[in-house]
C-alpha atoms as a PDB file:
ATOM      1  CA  MET A   1     257.722 -91.544 113.183  1.00  0.00           C
ATOM      2  CA  LYS A   2     259.391 -89.661 110.369  1.00  0.00           C
ATOM      3  CA  ASN A   3     262.827 -89.034 111.303  1.00  0.00           C
ATOM      4  CA  LEU A   4     263.603 -85.327 111.993  1.00  0.00           C
ATOM      5  CA  TYR A   5     266.537 -85.459 109.643  1.00  0.00           C
ATOM      6  CA  GLU A   6     264.011 -86.118 106.826  1.00  0.00           C
ATOM      7  CA  GLU A   7     261.842 -83.256 107.986  1.00  0.00           C
ATOM      8  CA  HIS A   8     264.826 -80.988 107.849  1.00  0.00           C
ATOM      9  CA  LEU A   9     265.965 -82.505 104.600  1.00  0.00           C
ATOM     10  CA  ASN A  10     262.640 -81.714 102.879  1.00  0.00           C
ATOM     11  CA  GLU A  11     263.441 -78.114 103.316  1.00  0.00           C
ATOM     12  CA  SER A  12     266.866 -78.177 101.696  1.00  0.00           C
ATOM     13  CA  LEU A  13     265.834 -80.387  98.774  1.00  0.00           C
ATOM     14  CA  SER A  14     265.834 -78.775  95.425  1.00  0.00           C
ATOM     15  CA  ASN A  15     262.475 -77.404  94.152  1.00  0.00           C
ATOM     16  CA  THR A  16     262.575 -79.879  91.352  1.00  0.00           C
ATOM     17  CA  VAL A  17     263.413 -83.011  93.568  1.00  0.00           C
ATOM     18  CA  HIS A  18     260.672 -81.893  96.252  1.00  0.00           C
ATOM     19  CA  THR A  19     258.098 -81.161  93.531  1.00  0.00           C
ATOM     20  CA  ALA A  20     258.673 -84.631  91.646  1.00  0.00           C
ATOM     21  CA  GLU A  21     258.272 -86.445  94.992  1.00  0.00           C
ATOM     22  CA  THR A  22     254.962 -84.355  95.746  1.00  0.00           C
ATOM     23  CA  GLU A  23     253.775 -85.547  92.376  1.00  0.00           C
ATOM     24  CA  LEU A  24     254.660 -89.003  92.963  1.00  0.00           C
ATOM     25  CA  GLY A  25     252.562 -88.886  96.032  1.00  0.00           C
ATOM     26  CA  LYS A  26     249.536 -87.649  94.161  1.00  0.00           C
ATOM     27  CA  MET A  27     249.986 -89.836  91.264  1.00  0.00           C
ATOM     28  CA  SER A  28     249.951 -93.100  93.712  1.00  0.00           C
ATOM     29  CA  LEU A  29     246.229 -91.632  94.836  1.00  0.00           C
ATOM     30  CA  ASN A  30     245.300 -91.543  90.989  1.00  0.00           C
ATOM     31  CA  PHE A  31     246.693 -94.756  89.986  1.00  0.00           C
ATOM     32  CA  ASP A  32     244.245 -96.463  87.533  1.00  0.00           C
ATOM     33  CA  ILE A  33     245.027-100.224  88.419  1.00  0.00           C
ATOM     34  CA  PRO A  34     243.101-103.111  89.748  1.00  0.00           C
ATOM     35  CA  ASP A  35     242.978-103.111  93.500  1.00  0.00           C
ATOM     36  CA  PHE A  36     244.750-106.494  93.828  1.00  0.00           C
ATOM     37  CA  GLU A  37     247.778-105.038  91.843  1.00  0.00           C
ATOM     38  CA  ARG A  38     248.085-101.690  93.594  1.00  0.00           C
ATOM     39  CA  ALA A  39     250.126-102.807  96.739  1.00  0.00           C
ATOM     40  CA  GLU A  40     252.322-104.929  94.537  1.00  0.00           C
ATOM     41  CA  ASN A  41     253.178-101.969  92.242  1.00  0.00           C
ATOM     42  CA  ALA A  42     253.975 -99.350  95.177  1.00  0.00           C
ATOM     43  CA  GLY A  43     257.456 -99.309  93.958  1.00  0.00           C
ATOM     44  CA  LEU A  44     256.503 -96.994  91.074  1.00  0.00           C
ATOM     45  CA  PHE A  45     256.157 -94.170  93.770  1.00  0.00           C
ATOM     46  CA  LEU A  46     258.981 -95.077  95.861  1.00  0.00           C
ATOM     47  CA  PRO A  47     261.746 -92.229  95.891  1.00  0.00           C
ATOM     48  CA  PRO A  48     265.262 -93.335  95.852  1.00  0.00           C
ATOM     49  CA  ARG A  49     266.046 -92.104  99.496  1.00  0.00           C
ATOM     50  CA  SER A  50     263.021 -94.011 100.631  1.00  0.00           C
ATOM     51  CA  LEU A  51     264.300 -97.372  99.095  1.00  0.00           C
ATOM     52  CA  LYS A  52     267.847 -96.435 100.445  1.00  0.00           C
ATOM     53  CA  ARG A  53     266.108 -96.403 104.126  1.00  0.00           C
ATOM     54  CA  ILE A  54     264.558 -99.895 103.341  1.00  0.00           C
ATOM     55  CA  LEU A  55     267.889-101.186 102.462  1.00  0.00           C
ATOM     56  CA  TYR A  56     269.597 -99.829 105.620  1.00  0.00           C
ATOM     57  CA  PHE A  57     266.991-101.437 107.854  1.00  0.00           C
ATOM     58  CA  SER A  58     267.667-104.753 106.097  1.00  0.00           C
ATOM     59  CA  GLU A  59     271.410-104.179 106.970  1.00  0.00           C
ATOM     60  CA  LEU A  60     270.507-103.719 110.390  1.00  0.00           C
ATOM     61  CA  TYR A  61     268.060-106.772 110.607  1.00  0.00           C
ATOM     62  CA  GLU A  62     270.943-108.996 109.413  1.00  0.00           C
ATOM     63  CA  LYS A  63     273.084-107.873 112.322  1.00  0.00           C
ATOM     64  CA  ILE A  64     270.520-109.611 114.775  1.00  0.00           C
ATOM     65  CA  LEU A  65     269.865-112.818 112.740  1.00  0.00           C
ATOM     66  CA  ASP A  66     272.170-114.984 115.331  1.00  0.00           C
ATOM     67  CA  VAL A  67     270.732-112.711 118.201  1.00  0.00           C
ATOM     68  CA  HIS A  68     267.723-114.333 120.028  1.00  0.00           C
ATOM     69  CA  GLY A  69     264.778-111.817 121.099  1.00  0.00           C
ATOM     70  CA  SER A  70     262.322-109.342 119.999  1.00  0.00           C
ATOM     71  CA  ILE A  71     262.509-105.995 118.222  1.00  0.00           C
ATOM     72  CA  VAL A  72     260.972-102.615 119.501  1.00  0.00           C
ATOM     73  CA  GLN A  73     260.662 -99.448 117.718  1.00  0.00           C
ATOM     74  CA  PHE A  74     260.368 -96.279 119.665  1.00  0.00           C
ATOM     75  CA  GLY A  75     258.665 -93.739 117.427  1.00  0.00           C
ATOM     76  CA  VAL A  76     256.179 -95.391 115.015  1.00  0.00           C
ATOM     77  CA  ARG A  77     254.198 -92.363 113.660  1.00  0.00           C
ATOM     78  CA  TRP A  78     252.586 -93.513 110.341  1.00  0.00           C
ATOM     79  CA  GLY A  79     254.110 -97.045 110.783  1.00  0.00           C
ATOM     80  CA  ARG A  80     256.476 -96.920 107.811  1.00  0.00           C
ATOM     81  CA  ASP A  81     259.664 -98.507 109.595  1.00  0.00           C
ATOM     82  CA  LEU A  82     257.470-101.039 111.477  1.00  0.00           C
ATOM     83  CA  THR A  83     256.008-102.493 108.481  1.00  0.00           C
ATOM     84  CA  VAL A  84     259.333-102.513 106.897  1.00  0.00           C
ATOM     85  CA  LEU A  85     260.587-104.516 109.783  1.00  0.00           C
ATOM     86  CA  ASP A  86     257.548-106.914 109.457  1.00  0.00           C
ATOM     87  CA  SER A  87     258.378-107.599 105.800  1.00  0.00           C
ATOM     88  CA  LEU A  88     261.924-108.271 106.851  1.00  0.00           C
ATOM     89  CA  ARG A  89     261.095-110.765 109.312  1.00  0.00           C
ATOM     90  CA  ASN A  90     259.177-112.488 106.552  1.00  0.00           C
ATOM     91  CA  ILE A  91     261.989-112.321 104.417  1.00  0.00           C
ATOM     92  CA  HIS A  92     264.980-113.094 106.582  1.00  0.00           C
ATOM     93  CA  GLU A  93     263.538-115.513 109.152  1.00  0.00           C
ATOM     94  CA  PRO A  94     259.820-116.339 108.210  1.00  0.00           C
ATOM     95  CA  PHE A  95     259.684-119.416 110.543  1.00  0.00           C
ATOM     96  CA  ASN A  96     261.002-117.688 113.564  1.00  0.00           C
ATOM     97  CA  PRO A  97     258.059-117.878 115.972  1.00  0.00           C
ATOM     98  CA  VAL A  98     259.273-115.896 118.782  1.00  0.00           C
ATOM     99  CA  ARG A  99     260.858-112.602 117.149  1.00  0.00           C
ATOM    100  CA  LYS A 100     258.264-110.150 117.774  1.00  0.00           C
ATOM    101  CA  ILE A 101     258.392-106.698 116.744  1.00  0.00           C
ATOM    102  CA  ILE A 102     256.241-104.011 119.003  1.00  0.00           C
ATOM    103  CA  GLY A 103     256.174-100.520 118.195  1.00  0.00           C
ATOM    104  CA  PHE A 104     255.612 -97.429 120.771  1.00  0.00           C
ATOM    105  CA  ASP A 105     254.306 -94.049 120.155  1.00  0.00           C
ATOM    106  CA  THR A 106     252.002 -91.605 121.685  1.00  0.00           C
ATOM    107  CA  PHE A 107     250.575 -90.960 118.030  1.00  0.00           C
ATOM    108  CA  THR A 108     249.667 -87.474 119.378  1.00  0.00           C
ATOM    109  CA  GLY A 109     253.110 -86.046 118.730  1.00  0.00           C
ATOM    110  CA  LEU A 110     256.182 -85.285 121.037  1.00  0.00           C
ATOM    111  CA  LYS A 111     255.574 -85.436 124.817  1.00  0.00           C
ATOM    112  CA  SER A 112     257.662 -84.348 127.633  1.00  0.00           C
ATOM    113  CA  VAL A 113     259.879 -81.761 125.667  1.00  0.00           C
ATOM    114  CA  THR A 114     262.639 -80.382 127.927  1.00  0.00           C
ATOM    115  CA  ASP A 115     265.613 -77.756 127.776  1.00  0.00           C
ATOM    116  CA  SER A 116     267.813 -80.617 126.527  1.00  0.00           C
ATOM    117  CA  ASP A 117     265.809 -80.598 123.325  1.00  0.00           C
ATOM    118  CA  ASN A 118     266.764 -76.871 122.441  1.00  0.00           C
ATOM    119  CA  ALA A 119     267.280 -77.350 118.737  1.00  0.00           C
ATOM    120  CA  HIS A 120     269.765 -74.762 116.949  1.00  0.00           C
ATOM    121  CA  GLU A 121     267.809 -75.221 113.747  1.00  0.00           C
ATOM    122  CA  GLN A 122     264.333 -75.528 113.182  1.00  0.00           C
ATOM    123  CA  PRO A 123     263.151 -75.106 117.174  1.00  0.00           C
ATOM    124  CA  GLU A 124     259.593 -75.276 116.034  1.00  0.00           C
ATOM    125  CA  LEU A 125     260.008 -79.055 115.434  1.00  0.00           C
ATOM    126  CA  MET A 126     260.939 -79.574 119.038  1.00  0.00           C
ATOM    127  CA  SER A 127     257.490 -78.733 120.545  1.00  0.00           C
ATOM    128  CA  GLU A 128     254.909 -80.493 122.427  1.00  0.00           C
ATOM    129  CA  GLY A 129     252.463 -82.149 119.803  1.00  0.00           C
ATOM    130  CA  SER A 130     254.729 -81.749 116.741  1.00  0.00           C
ATOM    131  CA  LEU A 131     254.744 -84.686 114.478  1.00  0.00           C
ATOM    132  CA  SER A 132     251.375 -86.048 115.520  1.00  0.00           C
ATOM    133  CA  THR A 133     249.290 -88.491 113.384  1.00  0.00           C
ATOM    134  CA  THR A 134     245.504 -88.157 112.593  1.00  0.00           C
ATOM    135  CA  GLU A 135     242.946 -89.036 115.052  1.00  0.00           C
ATOM    136  CA  THR A 136     241.856 -92.240 113.246  1.00  0.00           C
ATOM    137  CA  HIS A 137     245.300 -93.487 112.478  1.00  0.00           C
ATOM    138  CA  VAL A 138     245.872 -95.899 115.213  1.00  0.00           C
ATOM    139  CA  GLU A 139     242.613 -97.831 114.243  1.00  0.00           C
ATOM    140  CA  PHE A 140     243.914 -97.765 110.621  1.00  0.00           C
ATOM    141  CA  LEU A 141     247.358 -99.272 111.630  1.00  0.00           C
ATOM    142  CA  ASN A 142     246.020-102.018 113.654  1.00  0.00           C
ATOM    143  CA  ARG A 143     243.948-102.879 110.780  1.00  0.00           C
ATOM    144  CA  LEU A 144     246.854-102.668 108.506  1.00  0.00           C
ATOM    145  CA  LEU A 145     248.731-104.802 110.716  1.00  0.00           C
ATOM    146  CA  GLU A 146     245.934-107.630 110.813  1.00  0.00           C
ATOM    147  CA  VAL A 147     245.882-107.482 106.981  1.00  0.00           C
ATOM    148  CA  ARG A 148     249.612-107.708 106.703  1.00  0.00           C
ATOM    149  CA  LYS A 149     249.428-110.880 109.233  1.00  0.00           C
ATOM    150  CA  VAL A 150     247.995-113.074 106.464  1.00  0.00           C
ATOM    151  CA  LEU A 151     251.096-112.350 104.239  1.00  0.00           C
ATOM    152  CA  ALA A 152     253.231-114.109 106.820  1.00  0.00           C
ATOM    153  CA  PRO A 153     254.612-117.603 106.120  1.00  0.00           C
ATOM    154  CA  LEU A 154     254.053-118.706 109.906  1.00  0.00           C
ATOM    155  CA  GLN A 155     250.630-118.241 110.908  1.00  0.00           C
ATOM    156  CA  GLY A 156     249.424-118.038 114.539  1.00  0.00           C
ATOM    157  CA  PRO A 157     249.416-115.385 117.070  1.00  0.00           C
ATOM    158  CA  ALA A 158     250.086-111.845 115.837  1.00  0.00           C
ATOM    159  CA  ARG A 159     253.897-111.032 116.151  1.00  0.00           C
ATOM    160  CA  THR A 160     253.679-107.484 115.242  1.00  0.00           C
ATOM    161  CA  GLY A 161     251.806-104.795 117.347  1.00  0.00           C
ATOM    162  CA  ILE A 162     252.019-101.360 118.564  1.00  0.00           C
ATOM    163  CA  VAL A 163     251.618 -99.947 122.319  1.00  0.00           C
ATOM    164  CA  VAL A 164     249.833 -96.618 122.420  1.00  0.00           C
ATOM    165  CA  GLY A 165     251.158 -93.920 125.055  1.00  0.00           C
ATOM    166  CA  ASP A 166     254.039 -92.385 126.371  1.00  0.00           C
ATOM    167  CA  ALA A 167     256.760 -94.886 126.003  1.00  0.00           C
ATOM    168  CA  SER A 168     258.374 -93.717 129.123  1.00  0.00           C
ATOM    169  CA  VAL A 169     255.390 -95.486 131.157  1.00  0.00           C
ATOM    170  CA  THR A 170     254.149 -97.860 128.461  1.00  0.00           C
ATOM    171  CA  ILE A 171     257.435 -99.873 128.124  1.00  0.00           C
ATOM    172  CA  LYS A 172     257.762-100.343 131.703  1.00  0.00           C
ATOM    173  CA  ASP A 173     254.413-101.824 131.799  1.00  0.00           C
ATOM    174  CA  TYR A 174     255.149-103.780 128.786  1.00  0.00           C
ATOM    175  CA  LEU A 175     258.253-105.390 130.323  1.00  0.00           C
ATOM    176  CA  GLU A 176     256.491-105.981 133.573  1.00  0.00           C
ATOM    177  CA  ASN A 177     253.354-107.864 131.769  1.00  0.00           C
ATOM    178  CA  ASN A 178     255.924-109.798 129.476  1.00  0.00           C
ATOM    179  CA  PRO A 179     258.769-110.795 131.917  1.00  0.00           C
ATOM    180  CA  GLU A 180     259.896-113.123 129.035  1.00  0.00           C
ATOM    181  CA  THR A 181     261.130-110.299 127.113  1.00  0.00           C
ATOM    182  CA  ILE A 182     264.491-110.373 125.414  1.00  0.00           C
ATOM    183  CA  ILE A 183     265.325-107.446 123.218  1.00  0.00           C
ATOM    184  CA  ALA A 184     267.654-108.007 120.289  1.00  0.00           C
ATOM    185  CA  MET A 185     267.145-104.807 118.447  1.00  0.00           C
ATOM    186  CA  ALA A 186     265.847-101.230 119.587  1.00  0.00           C
ATOM    187  CA  HIS A 187     265.454 -98.592 117.169  1.00  0.00           C
ATOM    188  CA  PHE A 188     264.924 -95.090 118.641  1.00  0.00           C
ATOM    189  CA  ASP A 189     263.165 -92.362 116.669  1.00  0.00           C
ATOM    190  CA  MET A 190     261.394 -90.402 119.254  1.00  0.00           C
ATOM    191  CA  ASP A 191     263.577 -87.416 118.747  1.00  0.00           C
ATOM    192  CA  ILE A 192     263.769 -86.033 122.227  1.00  0.00           C
ATOM    193  CA  TYR A 193     265.715 -86.531 125.342  1.00  0.00           C
ATOM    194  CA  LYS A 194     263.315 -87.805 128.309  1.00  0.00           C
ATOM    195  CA  PRO A 195     261.597 -90.782 126.672  1.00  0.00           C
ATOM    196  CA  THR A 196     264.804 -91.758 125.050  1.00  0.00           C
ATOM    197  CA  LYS A 197     266.723 -91.840 128.149  1.00  0.00           C
ATOM    198  CA  ASP A 198     263.862 -93.534 130.199  1.00  0.00           C
ATOM    199  CA  CYS A 199     263.432 -96.305 127.565  1.00  0.00           C
ATOM    200  CA  LEU A 200     267.144 -96.718 127.307  1.00  0.00           C
ATOM    201  CA  GLU A 201     267.655 -97.352 131.034  1.00  0.00           C
ATOM    202  CA  LEU A 202     264.761 -99.579 131.137  1.00  0.00           C
ATOM    203  CA  ILE A 203     265.610-102.044 128.093  1.00  0.00           C
ATOM    204  CA  LEU A 204     269.176-102.252 128.497  1.00  0.00           C
ATOM    205  CA  PRO A 205     269.039-104.992 131.084  1.00  0.00           C
ATOM    206  CA  ARG A 206     266.716-106.790 128.688  1.00  0.00           C
ATOM    207  CA  MET A 207     269.818-106.726 125.837  1.00  0.00           C
ATOM    208  CA  PRO A 208     272.026-109.600 125.320  1.00  0.00           C
ATOM    209  CA  LYS A 209     275.714-109.198 124.078  1.00  0.00           C
ATOM    210  CA  GLY A 210     275.451-108.699 120.255  1.00  0.00           C
ATOM    211  CA  ALA A 211     271.902-106.847 120.515  1.00  0.00           C
ATOM    212  CA  VAL A 212     271.718-103.736 118.375  1.00  0.00           C
ATOM    213  CA  LEU A 213     270.813-100.103 119.748  1.00  0.00           C
ATOM    214  CA  ALA A 214     269.858 -98.063 116.656  1.00  0.00           C
ATOM    215  CA  PHE A 215     269.086 -94.294 116.367  1.00  0.00           C
ATOM    216  CA  ASP A 216     267.874 -91.935 113.869  1.00  0.00           C
ATOM    217  CA  GLU A 217     269.033 -88.690 115.360  1.00  0.00           C
ATOM    218  CA  LEU A 218     272.373 -88.742 116.891  1.00  0.00           C
ATOM    219  CA  ASN A 219     274.963 -85.814 116.362  1.00  0.00           C
ATOM    220  CA  TYR A 220     271.997 -83.797 114.719  1.00  0.00           C
ATOM    221  CA  SER A 221     271.607 -80.446 115.816  1.00  0.00           C
ATOM    222  CA  VAL A 222     267.726 -80.328 115.155  1.00  0.00           C
ATOM    223  CA  ALA A 223     267.210 -82.964 117.938  1.00  0.00           C
ATOM    224  CA  PRO A 224     270.348 -82.582 120.256  1.00  0.00           C
ATOM    225  CA  GLY A 225     267.953 -84.884 123.136  1.00  0.00           C
ATOM    226  CA  GLU A 226     268.839 -87.977 121.659  1.00  0.00           C
ATOM    227  CA  THR A 227     272.409 -87.766 121.877  1.00  0.00           C
ATOM    228  CA  VAL A 228     272.160 -86.101 125.477  1.00  0.00           C
ATOM    229  CA  ALA A 229     270.047 -89.172 126.400  1.00  0.00           C
ATOM    230  CA  LEU A 230     272.742 -91.885 125.137  1.00  0.00           C
ATOM    231  CA  ASP A 231     275.691 -89.908 126.697  1.00  0.00           C
ATOM    232  CA  GLU A 232     273.946 -89.942 130.149  1.00  0.00           C
ATOM    233  CA  VAL A 233     272.969 -93.537 130.020  1.00  0.00           C
ATOM    234  CA  LEU A 234     275.985 -95.110 128.357  1.00  0.00           C
ATOM    235  CA  GLY A 235     278.595 -92.597 127.839  1.00  0.00           C
ATOM    236  CA  LEU A 236     279.507 -91.722 124.191  1.00  0.00           C
ATOM    237  CA  SER A 237     283.495 -92.609 124.874  1.00  0.00           C
ATOM    238  CA  ASN A 238     282.315 -96.051 126.077  1.00  0.00           C
ATOM    239  CA  VAL A 239     280.485 -97.116 122.788  1.00  0.00           C
ATOM    240  CA  ARG A 240     281.239 -97.503 119.122  1.00  0.00           C
ATOM    241  CA  ILE A 241     278.670 -95.763 117.059  1.00  0.00           C
ATOM    242  CA  GLN A 242     278.572 -96.939 113.720  1.00  0.00           C
ATOM    243  CA  ARG A 243     276.708 -95.992 110.399  1.00  0.00           C
ATOM    244  CA  SER A 244     276.047 -97.672 107.220  1.00  0.00           C
ATOM    245  CA  ALA A 245     278.265 -96.392 104.729  1.00  0.00           C
ATOM    246  CA  ARG A 246     276.054 -97.562 101.935  1.00  0.00           C
ATOM    247  CA  PHE A 247     272.635 -96.877 102.848  1.00  0.00           C
ATOM    248  CA  SER A 248     272.445 -94.092 105.419  1.00  0.00           C
ATOM    249  CA  GLY A 249     273.847 -90.905 106.212  1.00  0.00           C
ATOM    250  CA  ALA A 250     272.006 -89.927 109.475  1.00  0.00           C
ATOM    251  CA  GLY A 251     271.188 -93.318 111.264  1.00  0.00           C
ATOM    252  CA  SER A 252     273.589 -95.046 113.426  1.00  0.00           C
ATOM    253  CA  TYR A 253     273.973 -97.953 115.635  1.00  0.00           C
ATOM    254  CA  ILE A 254     275.784 -99.648 118.395  1.00  0.00           C
ATOM    255  CA  ILE A 255     276.488-103.292 118.920  1.00  0.00           C
ATOM    256  CA  LEU A 256     276.299-104.081 122.463  1.00  0.00           C
END
């Protein structure tokens, strides 16, 4: 899911920067290049802040290289961060057969918005159905993951996938159906209180010491529910909330 910090940031970008990034997107659609070279040259259209996010995820990934378990992504939306994690696995540990990466999302926008999500800024973003995808996107994303699977040095059963539905329900079902699951890292980008709290409570018993809890909207007035959920589950004064000094102003993480 595109994080709300970025949605808000788009409103405050200078007209010049916003216009330039929009133009890059348009140019990527009309790039006259052979198809077999198109993906390889996608960096031509990558804005610096998007590259910075990739570097931030690489920094997070390095923190769990010696922690056993899978990675779960709560809030997938278009799949940007999920596919970055997929690539990082191929780079950092290409022959780890048990490092699964699983994304959870409704793909129909925010669900179960509560009073804890009342935002001081841009309250329209905190509404039912906000931040949805297109109707055909789940099918497209599954196909994309199938194609990307061929790029992995280690072949065999798929190790990256998505689970469609309300994560408050689907993560419970997933853990019951996959009792072997250990979670080395969980990244939260659902933006709102209820699913964040529900998922935190359900996954913490599956997270060993050294595992990483990462968040996109802590201490952020547009999406207060994420902070409220963390406070109620772990207590803010009981954890050390860290950030990347180099690559992220909004993203934060906790090492258990």
